Amino acid sequence: MFGLGTPEILVIAFLVILLFGYNKIPELMKGLGSGIKEFKKAASGDEEKDKKQA
């Protein structure tokens, strides 16, 4: 996984908490999740369009 070990992941998590604050993290994750869902929806929609055109 990109050569990241436990210490590196802990440092990244600590920096995220410092930058955004503990209360803001759930909002950020919710936005990230909805963005991924929209991306998957758009990607699968493009595949369905391609199948219909063929």
C-alpha atoms as a PDB file:
ATOM      1  CA  MET A   1       0.000   0.000   0.000  1.00  0.00           C
ATOM      2  CA  PHE A   2       2.342   2.741  -1.256  1.00  0.00           C
ATOM      3  CA  GLY A   3       5.018   1.688   1.230  1.00  0.00           C
ATOM      4  CA  LEU A   4       3.215   3.289   4.176  1.00  0.00           C
ATOM      5  CA  GLY A   5       3.749   1.700   7.547  1.00  0.00           C
ATOM      6  CA  THR A   6       1.974   2.205  10.832  1.00  0.00           C
ATOM      7  CA  PRO A   7       4.127   5.171  11.955  1.00  0.00           C
ATOM      8  CA  GLU A   8       3.515   7.047   8.708  1.00  0.00           C
ATOM      9  CA  ILE A   9      -0.250   6.478   8.873  1.00  0.00           C
ATOM     10  CA  LEU A  10      -0.324   7.690  12.487  1.00  0.00           C
ATOM     11  CA  VAL A  11       1.577  10.864  11.555  1.00  0.00           C
ATOM     12  CA  ILE A  12      -0.825  11.545   8.672  1.00  0.00           C
ATOM     13  CA  ALA A  13      -3.853  10.983  10.929  1.00  0.00           C
ATOM     14  CA  PHE A  14      -2.367  13.312  13.552  1.00  0.00           C
ATOM     15  CA  LEU A  15      -1.762  16.028  10.949  1.00  0.00           C
ATOM     16  CA  VAL A  16      -5.324  15.726   9.631  1.00  0.00           C
ATOM     17  CA  ILE A  17      -6.694  16.136  13.162  1.00  0.00           C
ATOM     18  CA  LEU A  18      -4.464  19.158  13.724  1.00  0.00           C
ATOM     19  CA  LEU A  19      -5.448  20.809  10.444  1.00  0.00           C
ATOM     20  CA  PHE A  20      -9.197  20.202  10.471  1.00  0.00           C
ATOM     21  CA  GLY A  21     -10.063  19.551  14.090  1.00  0.00           C
ATOM     22  CA  TYR A  22     -11.754  16.547  15.611  1.00  0.00           C
ATOM     23  CA  ASN A  23     -15.317  17.769  14.992  1.00  0.00           C
ATOM     24  CA  LYS A  24     -14.802  18.543  11.298  1.00  0.00           C
ATOM     25  CA  ILE A  25     -13.526  15.081  10.291  1.00  0.00           C
ATOM     26  CA  PRO A  26     -16.961  13.353  10.051  1.00  0.00           C
ATOM     27  CA  GLU A  27     -18.184  16.127   7.731  1.00  0.00           C
ATOM     28  CA  LEU A  28     -15.115  15.715   5.532  1.00  0.00           C
ATOM     29  CA  MET A  29     -15.573  11.940   5.343  1.00  0.00           C
ATOM     30  CA  LYS A  30     -19.273  12.360   4.482  1.00  0.00           C
ATOM     31  CA  GLY A  31     -18.355  14.702   1.640  1.00  0.00           C
ATOM     32  CA  LEU A  32     -15.649  12.338   0.433  1.00  0.00           C
ATOM     33  CA  GLY A  33     -18.068   9.397   0.484  1.00  0.00           C
ATOM     34  CA  SER A  34     -20.727  11.254  -1.462  1.00  0.00           C
ATOM     35  CA  GLY A  35     -18.117  12.359  -3.995  1.00  0.00           C
ATOM     36  CA  ILE A  36     -16.975   8.775  -4.530  1.00  0.00           C
ATOM     37  CA  LYS A  37     -20.601   7.635  -4.866  1.00  0.00           C
ATOM     38  CA  GLU A  38     -21.275  10.289  -7.532  1.00  0.00           C
ATOM     39  CA  PHE A  39     -18.080   9.321  -9.373  1.00  0.00           C
ATOM     40  CA  LYS A  40     -19.075   5.641  -9.435  1.00  0.00           C
ATOM     41  CA  LYS A  41     -22.577   6.569 -10.564  1.00  0.00           C
ATOM     42  CA  ALA A  42     -21.218   8.691 -13.402  1.00  0.00           C
ATOM     43  CA  ALA A  43     -18.701   6.029 -14.419  1.00  0.00           C
ATOM     44  CA  SER A  44     -21.332   3.284 -14.551  1.00  0.00           C
ATOM     45  CA  GLY A  45     -23.678   5.596 -16.435  1.00  0.00           C
ATOM     46  CA  ASP A  46     -21.036   6.123 -19.103  1.00  0.00           C
ATOM     47  CA  GLU A  47     -20.612   2.371 -19.493  1.00  0.00           C
ATOM     48  CA  GLU A  48     -24.364   1.929 -19.933  1.00  0.00           C
ATOM     49  CA  LYS A  49     -24.383   4.649 -22.611  1.00  0.00           C
ATOM     50  CA  ASP A  50     -21.563   2.892 -24.459  1.00  0.00           C
ATOM     51  CA  LYS A  51     -23.456  -0.420 -24.392  1.00  0.00           C
ATOM     52  CA  LYS A  52     -26.617   1.222 -25.756  1.00  0.00           C
ATOM     53  CA  GLN A  53     -24.708   2.902 -28.598  1.00  0.00           C
ATOM     54  CA  ALA A  54     -22.953  -0.304 -29.678  1.00  0.00           C
END
